Amino acid sequence: MKRGLLIAIINLLIGKRSVTGRIFVAVGGRSPANTADFSIAIAKNGVIVPFPNAAMGAMTNNQGYQISLETEIDLVTGDYVEVFIKRNNAIVSSVVISDMQFRIRD
């Protein structure tokens, strides 16, 4: 996933025992251009988890958006979780996130 814009939004170190982590992510902002299109994905230990991910359709300039994703991942001591936002077309070169919720529960 080196193509496109990948931004590590959060890097969370996980605690002292094995768990199945219930992960919830919500990312919000405003579209920087017409036809901007983004996806979010979760990575475990630096490797993108291919499914699930969340995407949105093309937007108009300055349109507000929120993308949410909920999943479960098995985690052991020393694992870390990252959230990425990726552009799905070449229209935009950067993205500004105005709101983010990130939660892991066992």
PDB file of N, CA and C in Angstrom:
ATOM      1  N   MET A   1       0.824  -1.187   0.000  1.00  0.00           N
ATOM      2  CA  MET A   1       0.000   0.000   0.000  1.00  0.00           C
ATOM      3  C   MET A   1       0.865   1.245   0.000  1.00  0.00           C
ATOM      4  N   LYS A   2       1.986   1.216  -0.694  1.00  0.00           N
ATOM      5  CA  LYS A   2       2.847   2.385  -0.740  1.00  0.00           C
ATOM      6  C   LYS A   2       2.316   3.422  -1.706  1.00  0.00           C
ATOM      7  N   ARG A   3       1.488   3.019  -2.672  1.00  0.00           N
ATOM      8  CA  ARG A   3       0.909   3.999  -3.576  1.00  0.00           C
ATOM      9  C   ARG A   3      -0.156   4.788  -2.852  1.00  0.00           C
ATOM     10  N   GLY A   4      -0.330   6.026  -3.259  1.00  0.00           N
ATOM     11  CA  GLY A   4      -1.346   6.860  -2.641  1.00  0.00           C
ATOM     12  C   GLY A   4      -0.833   7.489  -1.370  1.00  0.00           C
ATOM     13  N   LEU A   5      -1.695   8.175  -0.724  1.00  0.00           N
ATOM     14  CA  LEU A   5      -1.359   8.922   0.480  1.00  0.00           C
ATOM     15  C   LEU A   5      -1.743   8.104   1.698  1.00  0.00           C
ATOM     16  N   LEU A   6      -0.760   7.679   2.473  1.00  0.00           N
ATOM     17  CA  LEU A   6      -1.021   6.944   3.704  1.00  0.00           C
ATOM     18  C   LEU A   6      -0.550   7.800   4.860  1.00  0.00           C
ATOM     19  N   ILE A   7      -1.413   8.027   5.794  1.00  0.00           N
ATOM     20  CA  ILE A   7      -1.066   8.834   6.945  1.00  0.00           C
ATOM     21  C   ILE A   7      -1.336   8.018   8.188  1.00  0.00           C
ATOM     22  N   ALA A   8      -0.312   7.769   8.983  1.00  0.00           N
ATOM     23  CA  ALA A   8      -0.515   7.071  10.247  1.00  0.00           C
ATOM     24  C   ALA A   8      -1.121   8.071  11.202  1.00  0.00           C
ATOM     25  N   ILE A   9      -2.362   7.866  11.557  1.00  0.00           N
ATOM     26  CA  ILE A   9      -3.049   8.807  12.425  1.00  0.00           C
ATOM     27  C   ILE A   9      -2.760   8.500  13.881  1.00  0.00           C
ATOM     28  N   ILE A  10      -2.768   7.238  14.222  1.00  0.00           N
ATOM     29  CA  ILE A  10      -2.551   6.900  15.629  1.00  0.00           C
ATOM     30  C   ILE A  10      -1.793   5.593  15.719  1.00  0.00           C
ATOM     31  N   ASN A  11      -0.951   5.503  16.691  1.00  0.00           N
ATOM     32  CA  ASN A  11      -0.124   4.332  16.912  1.00  0.00           C
ATOM     33  C   ASN A  11      -0.318   3.950  18.378  1.00  0.00           C
ATOM     34  N   LEU A  12      -0.986   2.852  18.656  1.00  0.00           N
ATOM     35  CA  LEU A  12      -1.357   2.511  20.015  1.00  0.00           C
ATOM     36  C   LEU A  12      -0.667   1.228  20.447  1.00  0.00           C
ATOM     37  N   LEU A  13       0.076   1.289  21.534  1.00  0.00           N
ATOM     38  CA  LEU A  13       0.711   0.093  22.082  1.00  0.00           C
ATOM     39  C   LEU A  13      -0.285  -0.656  22.948  1.00  0.00           C
ATOM     40  N   ILE A  14      -0.323  -1.964  22.794  1.00  0.00           N
ATOM     41  CA  ILE A  14      -1.291  -2.786  23.503  1.00  0.00           C
ATOM     42  C   ILE A  14      -0.633  -3.431  24.721  1.00  0.00           C
ATOM     43  N   GLY A  15      -1.427  -3.655  25.772  1.00  0.00           N
ATOM     44  CA  GLY A  15      -1.003  -4.024  27.114  1.00  0.00           C
ATOM     45  C   GLY A  15      -0.424  -5.387  27.381  1.00  0.00           C
ATOM     46  N   LYS A  16      -0.839  -6.019  28.471  1.00  0.00           N
ATOM     47  CA  LYS A  16      -0.105  -7.108  29.103  1.00  0.00           C
ATOM     48  C   LYS A  16      -0.701  -8.491  28.915  1.00  0.00           C
ATOM     49  N   ARG A  17      -1.787  -8.646  28.185  1.00  0.00           N
ATOM     50  CA  ARG A  17      -2.359  -9.977  28.005  1.00  0.00           C
ATOM     51  C   ARG A  17      -3.005 -10.073  26.629  1.00  0.00           C
ATOM     52  N   SER A  18      -3.257 -11.292  26.197  1.00  0.00           N
ATOM     53  CA  SER A  18      -3.890 -11.520  24.896  1.00  0.00           C
ATOM     54  C   SER A  18      -5.370 -11.188  24.975  1.00  0.00           C
ATOM     55  N   VAL A  19      -5.879 -10.500  23.949  1.00  0.00           N
ATOM     56  CA  VAL A  19      -7.296 -10.151  23.884  1.00  0.00           C
ATOM     57  C   VAL A  19      -7.750 -10.187  22.427  1.00  0.00           C
ATOM     58  N   THR A  20      -9.045 -10.308  22.253  1.00  0.00           N
ATOM     59  CA  THR A  20      -9.644 -10.012  20.959  1.00  0.00           C
ATOM     60  C   THR A  20     -10.150  -8.586  21.077  1.00  0.00           C
ATOM     61  N   GLY A  21      -9.467  -7.688  20.417  1.00  0.00           N
ATOM     62  CA  GLY A  21      -9.800  -6.269  20.528  1.00  0.00           C
ATOM     63  C   GLY A  21     -10.934  -5.889  19.604  1.00  0.00           C
ATOM     64  N   ARG A  22     -11.968  -5.309  20.163  1.00  0.00           N
ATOM     65  CA  ARG A  22     -13.055  -4.733  19.372  1.00  0.00           C
ATOM     66  C   ARG A  22     -12.648  -3.298  19.068  1.00  0.00           C
ATOM     67  N   ILE A  23     -12.422  -3.013  17.804  1.00  0.00           N
ATOM     68  CA  ILE A  23     -11.880  -1.722  17.387  1.00  0.00           C
ATOM     69  C   ILE A  23     -12.968  -0.903  16.708  1.00  0.00           C
ATOM     70  N   PHE A  24     -13.056   0.348  17.123  1.00  0.00           N
ATOM     71  CA  PHE A  24     -13.975   1.302  16.498  1.00  0.00           C
ATOM     72  C   PHE A  24     -13.177   2.540  16.111  1.00  0.00           C
ATOM     73  N   VAL A  25     -13.340   2.985  14.863  1.00  0.00           N
ATOM     74  CA  VAL A  25     -12.675   4.187  14.367  1.00  0.00           C
ATOM     75  C   VAL A  25     -13.705   5.038  13.632  1.00  0.00           C
ATOM     76  N   ALA A  26     -13.713   6.331  13.902  1.00  0.00           N
ATOM     77  CA  ALA A  26     -14.513   7.285  13.137  1.00  0.00           C
ATOM     78  C   ALA A  26     -13.610   8.474  12.822  1.00  0.00           C
ATOM     79  N   VAL A  27     -13.546   8.838  11.551  1.00  0.00           N
ATOM     80  CA  VAL A  27     -12.703   9.936  11.085  1.00  0.00           C
ATOM     81  C   VAL A  27     -13.601  10.932  10.371  1.00  0.00           C
ATOM     82  N   GLY A  28     -13.417  12.216  10.648  1.00  0.00           N
ATOM     83  CA  GLY A  28     -14.230  13.240  10.014  1.00  0.00           C
ATOM     84  C   GLY A  28     -13.400  14.427   9.563  1.00  0.00           C
ATOM     85  N   GLY A  29     -13.908  15.131   8.585  1.00  0.00           N
ATOM     86  CA  GLY A  29     -13.232  16.318   8.078  1.00  0.00           C
ATOM     87  C   GLY A  29     -14.045  16.947   6.973  1.00  0.00           C
ATOM     88  N   ARG A  30     -13.365  17.734   6.153  1.00  0.00           N
ATOM     89  CA  ARG A  30     -13.996  18.377   4.997  1.00  0.00           C
ATOM     90  C   ARG A  30     -13.184  18.049   3.755  1.00  0.00           C
ATOM     91  N   SER A  31     -13.882  17.844   2.658  1.00  0.00           N
ATOM     92  CA  SER A  31     -13.229  17.524   1.400  1.00  0.00           C
ATOM     93  C   SER A  31     -12.385  18.710   0.923  1.00  0.00           C
ATOM     94  N   PRO A  32     -11.123  18.465   0.544  1.00  0.00           N
ATOM     95  CA  PRO A  32     -10.276  19.554   0.074  1.00  0.00           C
ATOM     96  C   PRO A  32     -10.484  19.906  -1.403  1.00  0.00           C
ATOM     97  N   ALA A  33     -11.255  19.099  -2.141  1.00  0.00           N
ATOM     98  CA  ALA A  33     -11.453  19.354  -3.572  1.00  0.00           C
ATOM     99  C   ALA A  33     -12.657  18.571  -4.076  1.00  0.00           C
ATOM    100  N   ASN A  34     -13.165  18.960  -5.233  1.00  0.00           N
ATOM    101  CA  ASN A  34     -14.215  18.188  -5.883  1.00  0.00           C
ATOM    102  C   ASN A  34     -13.684  16.799  -6.224  1.00  0.00           C
ATOM    103  N   THR A  35     -14.523  15.819  -6.147  1.00  0.00           N
ATOM    104  CA  THR A  35     -14.270  14.405  -6.432  1.00  0.00           C
ATOM    105  C   THR A  35     -13.236  13.761  -5.504  1.00  0.00           C
ATOM    106  N   ALA A  36     -12.914  14.378  -4.371  1.00  0.00           N
ATOM    107  CA  ALA A  36     -12.041  13.732  -3.387  1.00  0.00           C
ATOM    108  C   ALA A  36     -12.736  12.474  -2.879  1.00  0.00           C
ATOM    109  N   ASP A  37     -11.959  11.447  -2.612  1.00  0.00           N
ATOM    110  CA  ASP A  37     -12.495  10.141  -2.250  1.00  0.00           C
ATOM    111  C   ASP A  37     -11.487   9.462  -1.323  1.00  0.00           C
ATOM    112  N   PHE A  38     -11.903   9.065  -0.114  1.00  0.00           N
ATOM    113  CA  PHE A  38     -10.986   8.516   0.880  1.00  0.00           C
ATOM    114  C   PHE A  38     -11.451   7.156   1.387  1.00  0.00           C
ATOM    115  N   SER A  39     -10.505   6.396   1.936  1.00  0.00           N
ATOM    116  CA  SER A  39     -10.767   5.141   2.637  1.00  0.00           C
ATOM    117  C   SER A  39      -9.995   5.155   3.941  1.00  0.00           C
ATOM    118  N   ILE A  40     -10.477   4.382   4.921  1.00  0.00           N
ATOM    119  CA  ILE A  40      -9.692   4.157   6.128  1.00  0.00           C
ATOM    120  C   ILE A  40      -9.471   2.663   6.278  1.00  0.00           C
ATOM    121  N   ALA A  41      -8.337   2.330   6.870  1.00  0.00           N
ATOM    122  CA  ALA A  41      -7.994   0.930   7.099  1.00  0.00           C
ATOM    123  C   ALA A  41      -7.220   0.826   8.405  1.00  0.00           C
ATOM    124  N   ILE A  42      -7.152  -0.384   8.922  1.00  0.00           N
ATOM    125  CA  ILE A  42      -6.437  -0.655  10.169  1.00  0.00           C
ATOM    126  C   ILE A  42      -5.256  -1.559   9.848  1.00  0.00           C
ATOM    127  N   ALA A  43      -4.137  -1.304  10.519  1.00  0.00           N
ATOM    128  CA  ALA A  43      -2.959  -2.154  10.395  1.00  0.00           C
ATOM    129  C   ALA A  43      -2.618  -2.715  11.769  1.00  0.00           C
ATOM    130  N   LYS A  44      -2.144  -3.949  11.778  1.00  0.00           N
ATOM    131  CA  LYS A  44      -1.664  -4.583  13.010  1.00  0.00           C
ATOM    132  C   LYS A  44      -0.184  -4.878  12.813  1.00  0.00           C
ATOM    133  N   ASN A  45       0.642  -4.342  13.705  1.00  0.00           N
ATOM    134  CA  ASN A  45       2.093  -4.533  13.637  1.00  0.00           C
ATOM    135  C   ASN A  45       2.667  -4.123  12.278  1.00  0.00           C
ATOM    136  N   GLY A  46       2.126  -3.059  11.711  1.00  0.00           N
ATOM    137  CA  GLY A  46       2.646  -2.521  10.455  1.00  0.00           C
ATOM    138  C   GLY A  46       2.119  -3.164   9.197  1.00  0.00           C
ATOM    139  N   VAL A  47       1.201  -4.133   9.324  1.00  0.00           N
ATOM    140  CA  VAL A  47       0.639  -4.825   8.158  1.00  0.00           C
ATOM    141  C   VAL A  47      -0.845  -4.483   8.062  1.00  0.00           C
ATOM    142  N   ILE A  48      -1.251  -3.942   6.918  1.00  0.00           N
ATOM    143  CA  ILE A  48      -2.658  -3.585   6.705  1.00  0.00           C
ATOM    144  C   ILE A  48      -3.528  -4.829   6.802  1.00  0.00           C
ATOM    145  N   VAL A  49      -4.595  -4.744   7.589  1.00  0.00           N
ATOM    146  CA  VAL A  49      -5.595  -5.804   7.659  1.00  0.00           C
ATOM    147  C   VAL A  49      -6.514  -5.587   6.448  1.00  0.00           C
ATOM    148  N   PRO A  50      -6.546  -6.536   5.488  1.00  0.00           N
ATOM    149  CA  PRO A  50      -7.235  -6.269   4.228  1.00  0.00           C
ATOM    150  C   PRO A  50      -8.742  -6.070   4.350  1.00  0.00           C
ATOM    151  N   PHE A  51      -9.378  -6.758   5.275  1.00  0.00           N
ATOM    152  CA  PHE A  51     -10.832  -6.620   5.437  1.00  0.00           C
ATOM    153  C   PHE A  51     -11.145  -6.587   6.903  1.00  0.00           C
ATOM    154  N   PRO A  52     -12.051  -5.825   7.357  1.00  0.00           N
ATOM    155  CA  PRO A  52     -12.806  -4.849   6.584  1.00  0.00           C
ATOM    156  C   PRO A  52     -12.036  -3.543   6.449  1.00  0.00           C
ATOM    157  N   ASN A  53     -12.503  -2.710   5.554  1.00  0.00           N
ATOM    158  CA  ASN A  53     -12.074  -1.327   5.473  1.00  0.00           C
ATOM    159  C   ASN A  53     -13.318  -0.503   5.180  1.00  0.00           C
ATOM    160  N   ALA A  54     -13.187   0.793   5.212  1.00  0.00           N
ATOM    161  CA  ALA A  54     -14.354   1.647   4.974  1.00  0.00           C
ATOM    162  C   ALA A  54     -13.984   2.705   3.957  1.00  0.00           C
ATOM    163  N   ALA A  55     -14.880   2.975   3.036  1.00  0.00           N
ATOM    164  CA  ALA A  55     -14.636   3.961   1.989  1.00  0.00           C
ATOM    165  C   ALA A  55     -15.864   4.837   1.821  1.00  0.00           C
ATOM    166  N   MET A  56     -15.664   5.922   1.129  1.00  0.00           N
ATOM    167  CA  MET A  56     -16.761   6.832   0.828  1.00  0.00           C
ATOM    168  C   MET A  56     -16.698   7.210  -0.637  1.00  0.00           C
ATOM    169  N   GLY A  57     -17.769   7.715  -1.159  1.00  0.00           N
ATOM    170  CA  GLY A  57     -17.822   8.123  -2.555  1.00  0.00           C
ATOM    171  C   GLY A  57     -17.257   9.513  -2.766  1.00  0.00           C
ATOM    172  N   ALA A  58     -17.198   9.917  -4.013  1.00  0.00           N
ATOM    173  CA  ALA A  58     -16.661  11.228  -4.375  1.00  0.00           C
ATOM    174  C   ALA A  58     -17.498  12.342  -3.744  1.00  0.00           C
ATOM    175  N   MET A  59     -16.807  13.405  -3.327  1.00  0.00           N
ATOM    176  CA  MET A  59     -17.452  14.537  -2.650  1.00  0.00           C
ATOM    177  C   MET A  59     -17.262  15.814  -3.444  1.00  0.00           C
ATOM    178  N   THR A  60     -17.995  16.844  -3.052  1.00  0.00           N
ATOM    179  CA  THR A  60     -17.775  18.176  -3.600  1.00  0.00           C
ATOM    180  C   THR A  60     -16.794  18.920  -2.698  1.00  0.00           C
ATOM    181  N   ASN A  61     -16.219  19.986  -3.206  1.00  0.00           N
ATOM    182  CA  ASN A  61     -15.260  20.780  -2.441  1.00  0.00           C
ATOM    183  C   ASN A  61     -15.891  21.287  -1.149  1.00  0.00           C
ATOM    184  N   ASN A  62     -15.173  21.126  -0.045  1.00  0.00           N
ATOM    185  CA  ASN A  62     -15.576  21.609   1.278  1.00  0.00           C
ATOM    186  C   ASN A  62     -16.763  20.845   1.878  1.00  0.00           C
ATOM    187  N   GLN A  63     -17.131  19.724   1.294  1.00  0.00           N
ATOM    188  CA  GLN A  63     -18.211  18.904   1.841  1.00  0.00           C
ATOM    189  C   GLN A  63     -17.705  18.165   3.080  1.00  0.00           C
ATOM    190  N   GLY A  64     -18.485  18.179   4.145  1.00  0.00           N
ATOM    191  CA  GLY A  64     -18.127  17.446   5.349  1.00  0.00           C
ATOM    192  C   GLY A  64     -18.333  15.956   5.162  1.00  0.00           C
ATOM    193  N   TYR A  65     -17.515  15.157   5.853  1.00  0.00           N
ATOM    194  CA  TYR A  65     -17.652  13.710   5.766  1.00  0.00           C
ATOM    195  C   TYR A  65     -17.304  13.065   7.096  1.00  0.00           C
ATOM    196  N   GLN A  66     -17.773  11.841   7.259  1.00  0.00           N
ATOM    197  CA  GLN A  66     -17.379  10.989   8.369  1.00  0.00           C
ATOM    198  C   GLN A  66     -17.314   9.568   7.837  1.00  0.00           C
ATOM    199  N   ILE A  67     -16.207   8.896   8.125  1.00  0.00           N
ATOM    200  CA  ILE A  67     -16.027   7.495   7.739  1.00  0.00           C
ATOM    201  C   ILE A  67     -15.851   6.711   9.036  1.00  0.00           C
ATOM    202  N   SER A  68     -16.581   5.615   9.184  1.00  0.00           N
ATOM    203  CA  SER A  68     -16.431   4.809  10.398  1.00  0.00           C
ATOM    204  C   SER A  68     -16.161   3.355  10.029  1.00  0.00           C
ATOM    205  N   LEU A  69     -15.498   2.670  10.959  1.00  0.00           N
ATOM    206  CA  LEU A  69     -15.106   1.287  10.756  1.00  0.00           C
ATOM    207  C   LEU A  69     -15.125   0.593  12.102  1.00  0.00           C
ATOM    208  N   GLU A  70     -15.689  -0.602  12.131  1.00  0.00           N
ATOM    209  CA  GLU A  70     -15.717  -1.402  13.356  1.00  0.00           C
ATOM    210  C   GLU A  70     -15.311  -2.825  13.001  1.00  0.00           C
ATOM    211  N   THR A  71     -14.389  -3.410  13.789  1.00  0.00           N
ATOM    212  CA  THR A  71     -13.898  -4.752  13.518  1.00  0.00           C
ATOM    213  C   THR A  71     -13.330  -5.360  14.789  1.00  0.00           C
ATOM    214  N   GLU A  72     -12.905  -6.619  14.708  1.00  0.00           N
ATOM    215  CA  GLU A  72     -12.228  -7.300  15.812  1.00  0.00           C
ATOM    216  C   GLU A  72     -10.900  -7.842  15.318  1.00  0.00           C
ATOM    217  N   ILE A  73      -9.872  -7.720  16.171  1.00  0.00           N
ATOM    218  CA  ILE A  73      -8.537  -8.209  15.844  1.00  0.00           C
ATOM    219  C   ILE A  73      -7.957  -8.873  17.086  1.00  0.00           C
ATOM    220  N   ASP A  74      -7.338 -10.054  16.921  1.00  0.00           N
ATOM    221  CA  ASP A  74      -6.644 -10.717  18.027  1.00  0.00           C
ATOM    222  C   ASP A  74      -5.334  -9.989  18.288  1.00  0.00           C
ATOM    223  N   LEU A  75      -5.098  -9.652  19.553  1.00  0.00           N
ATOM    224  CA  LEU A  75      -3.913  -8.890  19.943  1.00  0.00           C
ATOM    225  C   LEU A  75      -3.202  -9.587  21.087  1.00  0.00           C
ATOM    226  N   VAL A  76      -1.884  -9.577  21.039  1.00  0.00           N
ATOM    227  CA  VAL A  76      -1.064 -10.113  22.121  1.00  0.00           C
ATOM    228  C   VAL A  76      -0.117  -9.014  22.591  1.00  0.00           C
ATOM    229  N   THR A  77       0.552  -9.266  23.707  1.00  0.00           N
ATOM    230  CA  THR A  77       1.477  -8.296  24.266  1.00  0.00           C
ATOM    231  C   THR A  77       2.477  -7.843  23.204  1.00  0.00           C
ATOM    232  N   GLY A  78       2.654  -6.538  23.078  1.00  0.00           N
ATOM    233  CA  GLY A  78       3.608  -5.983  22.122  1.00  0.00           C
ATOM    234  C   GLY A  78       3.010  -5.633  20.771  1.00  0.00           C
ATOM    235  N   ASP A  79       1.794  -6.110  20.468  1.00  0.00           N
ATOM    236  CA  ASP A  79       1.143  -5.724  19.214  1.00  0.00           C
ATOM    237  C   ASP A  79       0.817  -4.242  19.244  1.00  0.00           C
ATOM    238  N   TYR A  80       0.768  -3.647  18.071  1.00  0.00           N
ATOM    239  CA  TYR A  80       0.299  -2.271  17.979  1.00  0.00           C
ATOM    240  C   TYR A  80      -0.650  -2.141  16.801  1.00  0.00           C
ATOM    241  N   VAL A  81      -1.512  -1.156  16.894  1.00  0.00           N
ATOM    242  CA  VAL A  81      -2.562  -0.937  15.907  1.00  0.00           C
ATOM    243  C   VAL A  81      -2.408   0.473  15.354  1.00  0.00           C
ATOM    244  N   GLU A  82      -2.541   0.599  14.026  1.00  0.00           N
ATOM    245  CA  GLU A  82      -2.491   1.899  13.365  1.00  0.00           C
ATOM    246  C   GLU A  82      -3.752   2.085  12.547  1.00  0.00           C
ATOM    247  N   VAL A  83      -4.153   3.317  12.387  1.00  0.00           N
ATOM    248  CA  VAL A  83      -5.278   3.675  11.529  1.00  0.00           C
ATOM    249  C   VAL A  83      -4.732   4.530  10.395  1.00  0.00           C
ATOM    250  N   PHE A  84      -5.106   4.190   9.159  1.00  0.00           N
ATOM    251  CA  PHE A  84      -4.644   4.919   7.993  1.00  0.00           C
ATOM    252  C   PHE A  84      -5.821   5.526   7.258  1.00  0.00           C
ATOM    253  N   ILE A  85      -5.594   6.689   6.675  1.00  0.00           N
ATOM    254  CA  ILE A  85      -6.549   7.244   5.723  1.00  0.00           C
ATOM    255  C   ILE A  85      -5.809   7.344   4.393  1.00  0.00           C
ATOM    256  N   LYS A  86      -6.477   6.905   3.344  1.00  0.00           N
ATOM    257  CA  LYS A  86      -5.853   6.809   2.029  1.00  0.00           C
ATOM    258  C   LYS A  86      -6.716   7.517   1.002  1.00  0.00           C
ATOM    259  N   ARG A  87      -6.072   8.232   0.099  1.00  0.00           N
ATOM    260  CA  ARG A  87      -6.832   8.821  -1.014  1.00  0.00           C
ATOM    261  C   ARG A  87      -7.096   7.736  -2.041  1.00  0.00           C
ATOM    262  N   ASN A  88      -8.242   7.786  -2.663  1.00  0.00           N
ATOM    263  CA  ASN A  88      -8.610   6.785  -3.660  1.00  0.00           C
ATOM    264  C   ASN A  88      -8.480   7.302  -5.086  1.00  0.00           C
ATOM    265  N   ASN A  89      -8.057   8.550  -5.241  1.00  0.00           N
ATOM    266  CA  ASN A  89      -7.789   9.097  -6.574  1.00  0.00           C
ATOM    267  C   ASN A  89      -6.693  10.161  -6.436  1.00  0.00           C
ATOM    268  N   ALA A  90      -6.214  10.666  -7.555  1.00  0.00           N
ATOM    269  CA  ALA A  90      -5.087  11.604  -7.541  1.00  0.00           C
ATOM    270  C   ALA A  90      -5.516  13.062  -7.407  1.00  0.00           C
ATOM    271  N   ILE A  91      -6.784  13.309  -7.134  1.00  0.00           N
ATOM    272  CA  ILE A  91      -7.292  14.678  -7.072  1.00  0.00           C
ATOM    273  C   ILE A  91      -6.666  15.458  -5.910  1.00  0.00           C
ATOM    274  N   VAL A  92      -6.480  14.810  -4.789  1.00  0.00           N
ATOM    275  CA  VAL A  92      -5.959  15.504  -3.601  1.00  0.00           C
ATOM    276  C   VAL A  92      -4.564  14.997  -3.253  1.00  0.00           C
ATOM    277  N   SER A  93      -3.745  15.899  -2.697  1.00  0.00           N
ATOM    278  CA  SER A  93      -2.405  15.495  -2.280  1.00  0.00           C
ATOM    279  C   SER A  93      -2.268  15.469  -0.764  1.00  0.00           C
ATOM    280  N   SER A  94      -3.251  16.025  -0.055  1.00  0.00           N
ATOM    281  CA  SER A  94      -3.209  16.003   1.407  1.00  0.00           C
ATOM    282  C   SER A  94      -4.637  15.997   1.943  1.00  0.00           C
ATOM    283  N   VAL A  95      -4.750  15.654   3.211  1.00  0.00           N
ATOM    284  CA  VAL A  95      -6.059  15.629   3.859  1.00  0.00           C
ATOM    285  C   VAL A  95      -5.888  16.149   5.280  1.00  0.00           C
ATOM    286  N   VAL A  96      -6.859  16.913   5.738  1.00  0.00           N
ATOM    287  CA  VAL A  96      -6.857  17.403   7.112  1.00  0.00           C
ATOM    288  C   VAL A  96      -8.009  16.732   7.841  1.00  0.00           C
ATOM    289  N   ILE A  97      -7.687  16.068   8.947  1.00  0.00           N
ATOM    290  CA  ILE A  97      -8.696  15.412   9.768  1.00  0.00           C
ATOM    291  C   ILE A  97      -9.092  16.369  10.879  1.00  0.00           C
ATOM    292  N   SER A  98     -10.364  16.642  11.008  1.00  0.00           N
ATOM    293  CA  SER A  98     -10.805  17.558  12.068  1.00  0.00           C
ATOM    294  C   SER A  98     -11.315  16.815  13.294  1.00  0.00           C
ATOM    295  N   ASP A  99     -11.792  15.587  13.109  1.00  0.00           N
ATOM    296  CA  ASP A  99     -12.331  14.792  14.210  1.00  0.00           C
ATOM    297  C   ASP A  99     -11.897  13.349  14.049  1.00  0.00           C
ATOM    298  N   MET A 100     -11.596  12.710  15.184  1.00  0.00           N
ATOM    299  CA  MET A 100     -11.281  11.295  15.149  1.00  0.00           C
ATOM    300  C   MET A 100     -11.637  10.654  16.477  1.00  0.00           C
ATOM    301  N   GLN A 101     -12.283   9.497  16.390  1.00  0.00           N
ATOM    302  CA  GLN A 101     -12.522   8.660  17.563  1.00  0.00           C
ATOM    303  C   GLN A 101     -11.832   7.335  17.295  1.00  0.00           C
ATOM    304  N   PHE A 102     -11.149   6.820  18.303  1.00  0.00           N
ATOM    305  CA  PHE A 102     -10.449   5.553  18.172  1.00  0.00           C
ATOM    306  C   PHE A 102     -10.607   4.816  19.492  1.00  0.00           C
ATOM    307  N   ARG A 103     -11.119   3.598  19.431  1.00  0.00           N
ATOM    308  CA  ARG A 103     -11.363   2.855  20.667  1.00  0.00           C
ATOM    309  C   ARG A 103     -11.047   1.380  20.452  1.00  0.00           C
ATOM    310  N   ILE A 104     -10.341   0.794  21.431  1.00  0.00           N
ATOM    311  CA  ILE A 104     -10.126  -0.652  21.463  1.00  0.00           C
ATOM    312  C   ILE A 104     -10.655  -1.161  22.799  1.00  0.00           C
ATOM    313  N   ARG A 105     -11.538  -2.144  22.736  1.00  0.00           N
ATOM    314  CA  ARG A 105     -12.090  -2.769  23.943  1.00  0.00           C
ATOM    315  C   ARG A 105     -11.913  -4.266  23.841  1.00  0.00           C
ATOM    316  N   ASP A 106     -11.811  -4.914  24.984  1.00  0.00           N
ATOM    317  CA  ASP A 106     -11.756  -6.375  24.959  1.00  0.00           C
ATOM    318  C   ASP A 106     -13.054  -6.969  25.430  1.00  0.00           C
TER     319      ASP A 106
END
